[in-house]
Every structure is written in C-alpha cells, then in structure tokens.
Protein backbone atom coordinates (compact mmCIF):
# COMPACT_ATOMS: atom_id res chain seq x y z
CA MET A 1 0.07 -0.09 -0.10
CA GLN A 2 1.20 3.50 -0.51
CA ILE A 3 0.55 6.56 2.49
CA THR A 4 2.59 9.40 2.67
CA ILE A 5 5.29 10.25 5.47
CA ASN A 6 6.30 13.84 6.01
CA GLY A 7 5.49 14.44 2.64
CA LYS A 8 7.00 11.27 0.98
CA ILE A 9 4.98 8.40 -0.68
CA GLU A 10 6.17 5.59 0.71
CA GLN A 11 5.65 1.91 -0.69
CA MET A 12 4.57 -0.35 3.02
CA ASP A 13 2.93 -3.81 4.09
CA ALA A 14 -0.43 -2.83 6.66
CA CYS A 15 0.76 -2.25 10.04
CA THR A 16 -0.59 0.10 12.61
CA ILE A 17 1.02 3.35 13.81
CA ASP A 18 2.54 1.98 16.42
CA GLN A 19 4.50 -1.15 14.22
CA LEU A 20 4.93 1.99 11.54
CA VAL A 21 7.31 3.23 14.30
CA ARG A 22 9.23 0.61 15.96
CA ARG A 23 9.94 -0.53 11.93
CA GLN A 24 11.07 3.10 10.94
CA GLY A 25 13.67 2.81 14.09
CA LEU A 26 11.73 5.65 16.43
CA LYS A 27 12.14 6.67 19.57
CA PRO A 28 8.20 6.62 21.28
CA GLU A 29 8.63 9.28 23.78
CA ALA A 30 10.21 11.94 21.68
CA LEU A 31 7.47 11.35 18.47
CA VAL A 32 4.48 12.96 17.98
CA VAL A 33 2.04 11.53 15.28
CA GLU A 34 -0.11 13.31 13.37
CA HIS A 35 -2.24 11.02 11.24
CA ASN A 36 -4.53 12.29 8.46
CA ARG A 37 -4.52 15.82 9.77
CA ARG A 38 -5.34 14.87 13.88
CA ILE A 39 -3.15 14.13 16.40
CA VAL A 40 -2.89 11.09 17.46
CA GLN A 41 -1.85 10.49 20.97
CA GLN A 42 0.38 7.33 21.75
CA ALA A 43 -2.12 5.07 23.74
CA HIS A 44 -3.79 4.99 20.84
CA TRP A 45 -1.41 4.08 18.14
CA GLN A 46 -1.64 0.06 18.44
CA GLU A 47 -5.28 0.48 17.32
CA ILE A 48 -5.00 2.39 14.13
CA GLN A 49 -4.49 0.82 11.28
CA LEU A 50 -2.82 2.68 8.19
CA ARG A 51 -4.81 2.33 5.35
CA GLU A 52 -4.06 2.97 1.49
CA GLY A 53 -3.96 6.71 0.98
CA ASP A 54 -3.27 7.96 4.74
CA SER A 55 -0.74 10.97 5.19
CA LEU A 56 1.50 10.87 8.70
CA GLU A 57 3.64 13.45 9.66
CA LEU A 58 5.78 11.71 12.25
CA LEU A 59 7.57 14.78 14.49
CA ARG A 60 10.28 14.05 16.91
CA PHE A 61 11.40 16.61 19.62
CA VAL A 62 15.22 17.20 19.78
CA GLY A 63 16.91 18.84 22.42
CA GLY A 64 19.59 21.24 22.60
CA GLY A 65 21.03 24.50 24.00
C-alpha cells in the first residue's frame, strides 16, 4: 500500500501506527504523530490501522542548547 510520511510517498505492508514507528526505529517517547491531519495520542497508536492513501507526519522532539 502507499501512504505519505512527512510529505514523501512510501510503499509498505499494512500495519498500525505503533508498528510503523518501531519499523522506522524511532523513539516513541520523543515523537508526535499526526494521522490524516489529527494528532494521535501514543496510547492509541496500536489501535489505528494504516490504510492506502493515509498521510502521516512524524514529528521528533530534539533537545539542545
């Protein structure tokens, strides 16, 4: 299936948001996920099955000084 991640079209197998985050090797504690223009709380990532044409924005918090 094709979904858009941070503006880039990606081919992938069906999965949940939680599975996608793990496959990408991202740290969930430092991540905000927007799914089809709605922020999704981390507690719900396992419930949302990604579908053809979905759009995700994966926003990472970066500390610094």
